[in-house]
Each structure stands twice: as C-alpha cells, then as structure tokens.
C-alpha atoms as a PDB file:
ATOM      1  CA  MET A   1     -48.238 -66.433 127.492  1.00  0.00           C
ATOM      2  CA  LYS A   2     -46.200 -67.775 130.422  1.00  0.00           C
ATOM      3  CA  TYR A   3     -44.465 -71.015 129.412  1.00  0.00           C
ATOM      4  CA  ARG A   4     -44.667 -73.933 131.814  1.00  0.00           C
ATOM      5  CA  PHE A   5     -43.489 -76.897 129.627  1.00  0.00           C
ATOM      6  CA  ILE A   6     -40.964 -75.254 127.290  1.00  0.00           C
ATOM      7  CA  GLU A   7     -38.145 -72.798 127.577  1.00  0.00           C
ATOM      8  CA  PHE A   8     -37.741 -70.210 124.876  1.00  0.00           C
ATOM      9  CA  ILE A   9     -34.955 -67.730 124.110  1.00  0.00           C
ATOM     10  CA  ILE A  10     -33.567 -65.790 121.261  1.00  0.00           C
ATOM     11  CA  ASP A  11     -29.857 -65.141 121.479  1.00  0.00           C
ATOM     12  CA  ASP A  12     -27.682 -63.503 118.849  1.00  0.00           C
ATOM     13  CA  GLY A  13     -30.211 -64.208 116.130  1.00  0.00           C
ATOM     14  CA  ILE A  14     -30.959 -67.794 116.964  1.00  0.00           C
ATOM     15  CA  ALA A  15     -34.135 -68.794 118.666  1.00  0.00           C
ATOM     16  CA  GLN A  16     -34.284 -71.995 120.839  1.00  0.00           C
ATOM     17  CA  ILE A  17     -37.125 -74.029 122.085  1.00  0.00           C
ATOM     18  CA  LYS A  18     -36.340 -76.551 124.732  1.00  0.00           C
ATOM     19  CA  ILE A  19     -39.081 -79.013 125.811  1.00  0.00           C
ATOM     20  CA  ASN A  20     -38.881 -79.044 129.550  1.00  0.00           C
ATOM     21  CA  ARG A  21     -40.571 -82.071 131.009  1.00  0.00           C
ATOM     22  CA  PRO A  22     -37.602 -84.262 132.043  1.00  0.00           C
ATOM     23  CA  GLU A  23     -39.571 -86.014 134.595  1.00  0.00           C
ATOM     24  CA  VAL A  24     -41.586 -87.789 131.819  1.00  0.00           C
ATOM     25  CA  LEU A  25     -38.625 -87.815 129.242  1.00  0.00           C
ATOM     26  CA  ASN A  26     -40.074 -84.673 127.771  1.00  0.00           C
ATOM     27  CA  ALA A  27     -43.314 -86.451 126.616  1.00  0.00           C
ATOM     28  CA  LEU A  28     -45.479 -83.928 124.819  1.00  0.00           C
ATOM     29  CA  ASN A  29     -48.830 -82.707 126.186  1.00  0.00           C
ATOM     30  CA  ILE A  30     -51.447 -80.529 124.604  1.00  0.00           C
ATOM     31  CA  GLU A  31     -50.265 -77.562 126.683  1.00  0.00           C
ATOM     32  CA  THR A  32     -46.741 -78.040 125.192  1.00  0.00           C
ATOM     33  CA  GLY A  33     -48.188 -77.811 121.833  1.00  0.00           C
ATOM     34  CA  ASP A  34     -50.100 -74.604 122.616  1.00  0.00           C
ATOM     35  CA  GLU A  35     -46.815 -73.107 123.923  1.00  0.00           C
ATOM     36  CA  ILE A  36     -45.045 -74.053 120.706  1.00  0.00           C
ATOM     37  CA  ILE A  37     -47.732 -72.391 118.656  1.00  0.00           C
ATOM     38  CA  ASP A  38     -47.387 -69.225 120.760  1.00  0.00           C
ATOM     39  CA  VAL A  39     -43.650 -69.208 120.066  1.00  0.00           C
ATOM     40  CA  CYS A  40     -44.201 -69.665 116.337  1.00  0.00           C
ATOM     41  CA  ASN A  41     -46.657 -66.772 116.306  1.00  0.00           C
ATOM     42  CA  LYS A  42     -44.057 -64.577 118.030  1.00  0.00           C
ATOM     43  CA  LEU A  43     -41.293 -65.567 115.580  1.00  0.00           C
ATOM     44  CA  LYS A  44     -43.467 -64.696 112.621  1.00  0.00           C
ATOM     45  CA  LYS A  45     -43.379 -61.172 113.980  1.00  0.00           C
ATOM     46  CA  GLU A  46     -39.793 -61.318 115.365  1.00  0.00           C
ATOM     47  CA  SER A  47     -37.333 -60.025 112.720  1.00  0.00           C
ATOM     48  CA  SER A  48     -34.162 -60.651 114.798  1.00  0.00           C
ATOM     49  CA  ALA A  49     -34.408 -64.502 114.651  1.00  0.00           C
ATOM     50  CA  ARG A  50     -32.680 -66.063 111.619  1.00  0.00           C
ATOM     51  CA  ALA A  51     -32.926 -69.687 112.652  1.00  0.00           C
ATOM     52  CA  MET A  52     -34.463 -71.790 115.319  1.00  0.00           C
ATOM     53  CA  ILE A  53     -33.319 -74.926 117.255  1.00  0.00           C
ATOM     54  CA  ILE A  54     -35.667 -77.305 119.012  1.00  0.00           C
ATOM     55  CA  THR A  55     -34.243 -79.602 121.619  1.00  0.00           C
ATOM     56  CA  GLY A  56     -35.158 -81.332 124.975  1.00  0.00           C
ATOM     57  CA  SER A  57     -34.086 -80.807 128.469  1.00  0.00           C
ATOM     58  CA  GLY A  58     -31.911 -83.450 130.173  1.00  0.00           C
ATOM     59  CA  SER A  59     -30.773 -86.363 128.024  1.00  0.00           C
ATOM     60  CA  ASN A  60     -33.888 -86.804 125.838  1.00  0.00           C
ATOM     61  CA  PHE A  61     -35.439 -84.960 122.940  1.00  0.00           C
ATOM     62  CA  ALA A  62     -39.207 -86.105 123.430  1.00  0.00           C
ATOM     63  CA  ALA A  63     -40.359 -89.637 124.245  1.00  0.00           C
ATOM     64  CA  GLY A  64     -43.686 -89.462 122.590  1.00  0.00           C
ATOM     65  CA  ALA A  65     -46.936 -87.999 123.913  1.00  0.00           C
ATOM     66  CA  ASP A  66     -48.858 -88.409 127.171  1.00  0.00           C
ATOM     67  CA  ILE A  67     -50.890 -91.535 126.739  1.00  0.00           C
ATOM     68  CA  ILE A  68     -53.201 -91.343 129.778  1.00  0.00           C
ATOM     69  CA  PRO A  69     -55.434 -88.590 128.298  1.00  0.00           C
ATOM     70  CA  MET A  70     -55.898 -90.668 125.176  1.00  0.00           C
ATOM     71  CA  MET A  71     -56.877 -93.911 126.731  1.00  0.00           C
ATOM     72  CA  ASN A  72     -60.616 -93.271 126.899  1.00  0.00           C
ATOM     73  CA  ALA A  73     -60.975 -90.565 124.247  1.00  0.00           C
ATOM     74  CA  SER A  74     -63.748 -90.730 121.640  1.00  0.00           C
ATOM     75  CA  PRO A  75     -62.732 -90.047 117.995  1.00  0.00           C
ATOM     76  CA  GLN A  76     -63.878 -86.484 118.439  1.00  0.00           C
ATOM     77  CA  GLU A  77     -61.923 -85.903 121.513  1.00  0.00           C
ATOM     78  CA  ALA A  78     -58.884 -87.660 119.866  1.00  0.00           C
ATOM     79  CA  ARG A  79     -58.866 -85.017 117.065  1.00  0.00           C
ATOM     80  CA  LYS A  80     -58.161 -82.462 119.759  1.00  0.00           C
ATOM     81  CA  LEU A  81     -55.158 -84.427 121.097  1.00  0.00           C
ATOM     82  CA  THR A  82     -52.967 -84.298 117.913  1.00  0.00           C
ATOM     83  CA  PHE A  83     -50.143 -81.814 117.698  1.00  0.00           C
ATOM     84  CA  ASN A  84     -50.925 -80.967 114.050  1.00  0.00           C
ATOM     85  CA  ARG A  85     -51.446 -77.299 114.612  1.00  0.00           C
ATOM     86  CA  ALA A  86     -48.163 -76.984 116.543  1.00  0.00           C
ATOM     87  CA  PHE A  87     -46.048 -79.006 114.069  1.00  0.00           C
ATOM     88  CA  ASN A  88     -47.684 -77.135 111.030  1.00  0.00           C
ATOM     89  CA  SER A  89     -46.747 -73.909 112.722  1.00  0.00           C
ATOM     90  CA  ILE A  90     -43.082 -74.996 112.957  1.00  0.00           C
ATOM     91  CA  GLU A  91     -43.079 -76.298 109.383  1.00  0.00           C
ATOM     92  CA  SER A  92     -44.604 -73.028 108.076  1.00  0.00           C
ATOM     93  CA  LEU A  93     -42.055 -70.738 109.741  1.00  0.00           C
ATOM     94  CA  GLU A  94     -40.071 -68.860 107.050  1.00  0.00           C
ATOM     95  CA  LEU A  95     -36.807 -69.511 108.683  1.00  0.00           C
ATOM     96  CA  PRO A  96     -34.613 -72.733 109.115  1.00  0.00           C
ATOM     97  CA  VAL A  97     -35.543 -74.965 111.959  1.00  0.00           C
ATOM     98  CA  ILE A  98     -33.150 -77.564 113.335  1.00  0.00           C
ATOM     99  CA  ALA A  99     -34.089 -80.440 115.671  1.00  0.00           C
ATOM    100  CA  ALA A 100     -31.170 -81.254 118.002  1.00  0.00           C
ATOM    101  CA  ILE A 101     -31.961 -84.909 119.008  1.00  0.00           C
ATOM    102  CA  SER A 102     -30.459 -86.806 121.918  1.00  0.00           C
ATOM    103  CA  GLY A 103     -31.819 -89.801 123.667  1.00  0.00           C
ATOM    104  CA  TYR A 104     -35.384 -90.744 122.739  1.00  0.00           C
ATOM    105  CA  ALA A 105     -37.370 -89.182 119.878  1.00  0.00           C
ATOM    106  CA  LEU A 106     -40.428 -91.436 119.766  1.00  0.00           C
ATOM    107  CA  GLY A 107     -43.966 -91.112 118.494  1.00  0.00           C
ATOM    108  CA  GLY A 108     -44.982 -87.465 118.766  1.00  0.00           C
ATOM    109  CA  GLY A 109     -41.428 -86.560 119.638  1.00  0.00           C
ATOM    110  CA  LEU A 110     -40.164 -87.914 116.238  1.00  0.00           C
ATOM    111  CA  GLU A 111     -43.023 -86.246 114.520  1.00  0.00           C
ATOM    112  CA  LEU A 112     -41.987 -82.893 116.070  1.00  0.00           C
ATOM    113  CA  ALA A 113     -38.522 -83.544 114.582  1.00  0.00           C
ATOM    114  CA  LEU A 114     -40.005 -84.355 111.180  1.00  0.00           C
ATOM    115  CA  ALA A 115     -41.647 -81.027 111.092  1.00  0.00           C
ATOM    116  CA  CYS A 116     -38.227 -79.373 111.258  1.00  0.00           C
ATOM    117  CA  ASP A 117     -36.041 -78.590 108.252  1.00  0.00           C
ATOM    118  CA  PHE A 118     -32.947 -80.447 109.623  1.00  0.00           C
ATOM    119  CA  ARG A 119     -32.332 -83.114 112.137  1.00  0.00           C
ATOM    120  CA  ILE A 120     -28.993 -83.522 113.909  1.00  0.00           C
ATOM    121  CA  CYS A 121     -28.773 -86.389 116.459  1.00  0.00           C
ATOM    122  CA  SER A 122     -26.315 -87.576 119.135  1.00  0.00           C
ATOM    123  CA  GLU A 123     -24.734 -90.988 119.027  1.00  0.00           C
ATOM    124  CA  ASP A 124     -27.132 -92.246 121.726  1.00  0.00           C
ATOM    125  CA  ALA A 125     -30.292 -91.128 119.890  1.00  0.00           C
ATOM    126  CA  LYS A 126     -33.047 -93.588 119.444  1.00  0.00           C
ATOM    127  CA  MET A 127     -35.996 -92.790 117.001  1.00  0.00           C
ATOM    128  CA  GLY A 128     -39.172 -94.483 116.140  1.00  0.00           C
ATOM    129  CA  LEU A 129     -42.950 -94.341 115.685  1.00  0.00           C
ATOM    130  CA  PRO A 130     -44.166 -97.075 117.995  1.00  0.00           C
ATOM    131  CA  GLU A 131     -47.818 -96.121 117.972  1.00  0.00           C
ATOM    132  CA  ILE A 132     -48.856 -99.290 116.039  1.00  0.00           C
ATOM    133  CA  LYS A 133     -48.161-101.180 119.222  1.00  0.00           C
ATOM    134  CA  LEU A 134     -50.829 -99.129 121.020  1.00  0.00           C
ATOM    135  CA  GLY A 135     -53.568 -99.952 118.568  1.00  0.00           C
ATOM    136  CA  ILE A 136     -53.295 -96.643 116.793  1.00  0.00           C
ATOM    137  CA  PHE A 137     -50.823 -95.201 114.268  1.00  0.00           C
ATOM    138  CA  PRO A 138     -48.948 -91.818 113.896  1.00  0.00           C
ATOM    139  CA  GLY A 139     -51.459 -89.098 113.949  1.00  0.00           C
ATOM    140  CA  ALA A 140     -49.416 -85.828 113.948  1.00  0.00           C
ATOM    141  CA  GLY A 141     -47.910 -85.878 110.448  1.00  0.00           C
ATOM    142  CA  GLY A 142     -45.817 -89.020 110.725  1.00  0.00           C
ATOM    143  CA  THR A 143     -47.392 -90.983 107.917  1.00  0.00           C
ATOM    144  CA  GLN A 144     -47.190 -87.854 105.626  1.00  0.00           C
ATOM    145  CA  ARG A 145     -43.715 -86.386 106.438  1.00  0.00           C
ATOM    146  CA  LEU A 146     -41.692 -89.523 106.997  1.00  0.00           C
ATOM    147  CA  PRO A 147     -42.214 -90.984 103.489  1.00  0.00           C
ATOM    148  CA  LYS A 148     -41.090 -87.671 101.944  1.00  0.00           C
ATOM    149  CA  ILE A 149     -37.995 -87.762 103.882  1.00  0.00           C
ATOM    150  CA  ILE A 150     -36.770 -91.478 103.747  1.00  0.00           C
ATOM    151  CA  GLY A 151     -38.984 -92.863 101.092  1.00  0.00           C
ATOM    152  CA  THR A 152     -42.180 -94.859 101.157  1.00  0.00           C
ATOM    153  CA  GLY A 153     -40.732 -98.312 101.685  1.00  0.00           C
ATOM    154  CA  ARG A 154     -38.641 -97.460 104.549  1.00  0.00           C
ATOM    155  CA  ALA A 155     -41.238 -95.257 106.156  1.00  0.00           C
ATOM    156  CA  LYS A 156     -43.790 -98.067 105.975  1.00  0.00           C
ATOM    157  CA  GLU A 157     -41.286-100.359 107.610  1.00  0.00           C
ATOM    158  CA  MET A 158     -40.891 -97.989 110.536  1.00  0.00           C
ATOM    159  CA  ILE A 159     -44.635 -97.191 110.895  1.00  0.00           C
ATOM    160  CA  PHE A 160     -45.962-100.728 110.324  1.00  0.00           C
ATOM    161  CA  THR A 161     -43.486-102.386 112.717  1.00  0.00           C
ATOM    162  CA  GLY A 162     -43.113 -99.598 115.334  1.00  0.00           C
ATOM    163  CA  ALA A 163     -39.327-100.381 115.219  1.00  0.00           C
ATOM    164  CA  VAL A 164     -36.958 -98.052 117.065  1.00  0.00           C
ATOM    165  CA  ILE A 165     -33.800 -97.324 115.260  1.00  0.00           C
ATOM    166  CA  GLU A 166     -30.438 -95.895 116.464  1.00  0.00           C
ATOM    167  CA  ALA A 167     -28.373 -92.968 115.197  1.00  0.00           C
ATOM    168  CA  GLU A 168     -26.269 -94.932 112.575  1.00  0.00           C
ATOM    169  CA  ARG A 169     -29.327 -96.358 110.970  1.00  0.00           C
ATOM    170  CA  ALA A 170     -31.165 -93.025 111.037  1.00  0.00           C
ATOM    171  CA  PHE A 171     -28.199 -91.432 109.194  1.00  0.00           C
ATOM    172  CA  GLU A 172     -28.061 -94.293 106.688  1.00  0.00           C
ATOM    173  CA  ILE A 173     -31.638 -93.963 105.592  1.00  0.00           C
ATOM    174  CA  GLY A 174     -31.603 -90.173 105.556  1.00  0.00           C
ATOM    175  CA  LEU A 175     -33.780 -89.535 108.629  1.00  0.00           C
ATOM    176  CA  VAL A 176     -31.066 -87.288 110.106  1.00  0.00           C
ATOM    177  CA  ASN A 177     -28.692 -85.014 108.387  1.00  0.00           C
ATOM    178  CA  SER A 178     -25.732 -85.790 110.555  1.00  0.00           C
ATOM    179  CA  ILE A 179     -24.622 -87.402 113.829  1.00  0.00           C
ATOM    180  CA  ALA A 180     -22.903 -84.973 116.202  1.00  0.00           C
ATOM    181  CA  GLU A 181     -19.346 -85.779 117.044  1.00  0.00           C
ATOM    182  CA  ASP A 182     -19.645 -83.476 120.074  1.00  0.00           C
ATOM    183  CA  ASP A 183     -22.496 -82.069 121.974  1.00  0.00           C
ATOM    184  CA  VAL A 184     -25.583 -82.188 119.700  1.00  0.00           C
ATOM    185  CA  LEU A 185     -26.736 -78.696 120.703  1.00  0.00           C
ATOM    186  CA  ASN A 186     -23.399 -77.133 119.805  1.00  0.00           C
ATOM    187  CA  GLU A 187     -23.510 -78.883 116.404  1.00  0.00           C
ATOM    188  CA  ALA A 188     -26.980 -77.533 115.946  1.00  0.00           C
ATOM    189  CA  LEU A 189     -25.725 -73.964 116.876  1.00  0.00           C
ATOM    190  CA  LYS A 190     -22.971 -74.200 114.330  1.00  0.00           C
ATOM    191  CA  MET A 191     -25.425 -74.883 111.674  1.00  0.00           C
ATOM    192  CA  ALA A 192     -27.754 -72.207 112.801  1.00  0.00           C
ATOM    193  CA  LYS A 193     -25.102 -69.629 112.748  1.00  0.00           C
ATOM    194  CA  THR A 194     -24.419 -70.296 109.041  1.00  0.00           C
ATOM    195  CA  PHE A 195     -27.860 -68.837 108.264  1.00  0.00           C
ATOM    196  CA  ARG A 196     -27.253 -65.628 110.105  1.00  0.00           C
ATOM    197  CA  SER A 197     -25.132 -64.288 107.265  1.00  0.00           C
ATOM    198  CA  LEU A 198     -27.777 -65.045 104.596  1.00  0.00           C
ATOM    199  CA  SER A 199     -30.846 -63.229 103.514  1.00  0.00           C
ATOM    200  CA  PRO A 200     -33.904 -64.102 105.636  1.00  0.00           C
ATOM    201  CA  LEU A 201     -36.131 -63.185 102.658  1.00  0.00           C
ATOM    202  CA  THR A 202     -34.487 -65.645 100.307  1.00  0.00           C
ATOM    203  CA  LEU A 203     -34.199 -68.352 102.963  1.00  0.00           C
ATOM    204  CA  GLY A 204     -37.851 -68.037 103.563  1.00  0.00           C
ATOM    205  CA  ALA A 205     -38.674 -68.057  99.852  1.00  0.00           C
ATOM    206  CA  ALA A 206     -36.556 -71.105  99.285  1.00  0.00           C
ATOM    207  CA  LYS A 207     -38.253 -72.942 102.149  1.00  0.00           C
ATOM    208  CA  ARG A 208     -41.689 -72.085 100.780  1.00  0.00           C
ATOM    209  CA  ALA A 209     -40.720 -73.301  97.329  1.00  0.00           C
ATOM    210  CA  VAL A 210     -39.450 -76.662  98.690  1.00  0.00           C
ATOM    211  CA  ASN A 211     -42.502 -77.203 100.880  1.00  0.00           C
ATOM    212  CA  PHE A 212     -44.865 -76.318  98.113  1.00  0.00           C
ATOM    213  CA  GLY A 213     -43.162 -78.740  95.767  1.00  0.00           C
ATOM    214  CA  LEU A 214     -43.597 -81.590  98.115  1.00  0.00           C
ATOM    215  CA  GLY A 215     -47.302 -81.385  97.991  1.00  0.00           C
ATOM    216  CA  ASN A 216     -47.833 -80.555  94.373  1.00  0.00           C
ATOM    217  CA  ASP A 217     -47.028 -81.793  90.915  1.00  0.00           C
ATOM    218  CA  LEU A 218     -43.768 -80.873  89.241  1.00  0.00           C
ATOM    219  CA  GLN A 219     -44.996 -78.245  86.876  1.00  0.00           C
ATOM    220  CA  ALA A 220     -47.051 -76.448  89.608  1.00  0.00           C
ATOM    221  CA  GLY A 221     -43.913 -76.466  91.655  1.00  0.00           C
ATOM    222  CA  ILE A 222     -41.757 -74.994  88.938  1.00  0.00           C
ATOM    223  CA  ARG A 223     -44.218 -72.271  88.400  1.00  0.00           C
ATOM    224  CA  PHE A 224     -44.347 -71.428  92.074  1.00  0.00           C
ATOM    225  CA  GLU A 225     -40.552 -71.505  92.232  1.00  0.00           C
ATOM    226  CA  GLU A 226     -40.256 -69.150  89.268  1.00  0.00           C
ATOM    227  CA  GLU A 227     -42.789 -66.677  90.882  1.00  0.00           C
ATOM    228  CA  LEU A 228     -40.752 -66.621  94.152  1.00  0.00           C
ATOM    229  CA  TRP A 229     -37.428 -66.474  92.322  1.00  0.00           C
ATOM    230  CA  ALA A 230     -38.469 -63.463  90.234  1.00  0.00           C
ATOM    231  CA  GLY A 231     -39.808 -61.785  93.395  1.00  0.00           C
ATOM    232  CA  CYS A 232     -36.269 -61.828  94.827  1.00  0.00           C
ATOM    233  CA  PHE A 233     -35.352 -59.167  92.256  1.00  0.00           C
ATOM    234  CA  SER A 234     -37.504 -56.649  94.062  1.00  0.00           C
ATOM    235  CA  THR A 235     -35.499 -56.836  97.217  1.00  0.00           C
ATOM    236  CA  ASP A 236     -32.492 -54.902  98.592  1.00  0.00           C
ATOM    237  CA  ASP A 237     -30.965 -58.209  99.533  1.00  0.00           C
ATOM    238  CA  GLN A 238     -30.786 -59.354  95.915  1.00  0.00           C
ATOM    239  CA  ARG A 239     -29.027 -56.098  94.906  1.00  0.00           C
ATOM    240  CA  GLU A 240     -26.698 -56.252  97.757  1.00  0.00           C
ATOM    241  CA  GLY A 241     -25.848 -59.936  97.126  1.00  0.00           C
ATOM    242  CA  MET A 242     -24.992 -59.480  93.515  1.00  0.00           C
ATOM    243  CA  LYS A 243     -23.175 -56.160  94.105  1.00  0.00           C
ATOM    244  CA  ALA A 244     -21.072 -57.793  96.842  1.00  0.00           C
ATOM    245  CA  PHE A 245     -20.258 -60.714  94.486  1.00  0.00           C
ATOM    246  CA  SER A 246     -19.019 -58.274  91.775  1.00  0.00           C
ATOM    247  CA  GLU A 247     -17.068 -56.312  94.318  1.00  0.00           C
ATOM    248  CA  LYS A 248     -15.507 -59.514  95.820  1.00  0.00           C
ATOM    249  CA  ARG A 249     -16.695 -58.890  99.394  1.00  0.00           C
ATOM    250  CA  LYS A 250     -19.062 -60.420 101.809  1.00  0.00           C
ATOM    251  CA  PRO A 251     -22.696 -59.180 101.410  1.00  0.00           C
ATOM    252  CA  GLU A 252     -24.466 -57.506 104.267  1.00  0.00           C
ATOM    253  CA  PHE A 253     -28.123 -58.569 104.066  1.00  0.00           C
ATOM    254  CA  THR A 254     -30.738 -56.536 105.939  1.00  0.00           C
ATOM    255  CA  GLY A 255     -33.949 -58.675 105.181  1.00  0.00           C
ATOM    256  CA  ARG A 256     -35.375 -56.022 102.944  1.00  0.00           C
END
C-alpha cells in the first residue's frame, strides 16, 4: 500500500509512524486508519522492529477525527467511521508502542495515544475527549481504555465534561508517563532504544499478559501469566539471559 496520510520508516530497529495531515492538525480520516492497519500487519511479519513510535507532523499529534463525513451518517454508517480496527491493531502488536505527543491530542487523536503502551508529551500538549460537546461520546476505545489508565472517576470527568487538560495535569493523573524536557520525539527514541537490548519474545509475552489481565478476572490473569512465563523456558533468549547473568555479561538476545 502506498501511504498518503502517514509516513512510515524502520530505522535501527525502531519503527515510526507519523500522522501526516498538518493542514488539518493531523485529524484522522478512515484512510489514515487503513494505513495504520497496513503498517501493523507489516510489523507482525517484520522481525527487525523492536519498538514503535507514533507521532504527528508539524506541531500537533492528532486533533481528533474528520467531522464532516460524520454529520449525516446513519448508525450503520457511523460504525464504519470508528478507528477501532486500527487502534486494536496497535494495541495487539507484540512490541512496545510509544505515543510522542505534542500540541493537540483530542478525540480520536487521544484515543490513538491510549492504544499505545506509553505516552510521552511535550510541555505544550493539550489532551481531551471533547466528543460530548458534539452530541456523541468517544467511540474508538476512549470509554474503555481511559478508565483503565487513569481510574474511573477521572475518566468520567474527562469524558462527561469534554474538558481539555494540559501536560502537567495529564502527568499528575497518570495519563502520560512523562513530560519531555527536550524534543518529545527524542525522548520517545531514548525510551524505544532501551527495548532494543531486550528479548522481543519476552517483551511480547509480557505485553500479552498485561493486556489479558486488564479484561479478565485476577485468577484467569494469573493462570495466563503462568502459561506465558513457563513458555519462556523453551526459548534461546531465556537460556542466554540467565547464562549471561551468571557470567556477569550483557546478554545478546536473538528473538528465538
């Protein structure tokens, strides 16, 4: 697929998606979602990528979704206008995904960031789910992912009021992992580089375990964790990691 609305590269083990619609503050359209799905499908087959960063072109992450196509949509048509397939594809990737947020991350743009494993923002970032002011509410995972990240009460406050919050408040409530002191993409790259020296098999298994636990009861989660944990002992990476520890050297993981 030729990409019109995103830029995609893999450089030195780190994949990057850049939303590239600066003329509309990187607002998302359905074609953008389709392109993200295509990238995720490639990454599931691409062994060289150990982490991924999602960012926006210019000075914004993504200021929501295109509203015009939604204005006269029927309920059946509206179902096709969500970004659930794209955001679920991001969440299901078995590698760490980092959202590097600057400027606006609103509506679908924030929901995109919520599908990532980590969120780093710039000091000028502004985040919110303002859909309630349009007579709708978040429909691309916002009502499901946000409470799991910041808690039910704070999530309801953001969703029910449509309030837009700034970087300091986002960090205070746990919506973002950190506020970049320098360029936000550089900060995201620093984090991504830490994953290159780790086993992609065990990172993927750990992510699956955490995500499974978020949607299931504790005992089911513990059983699933145990199964994945025991499976690590069939890998070369487990043997290399423990051998390197005993030999007091850095491990060299191969993803096998």
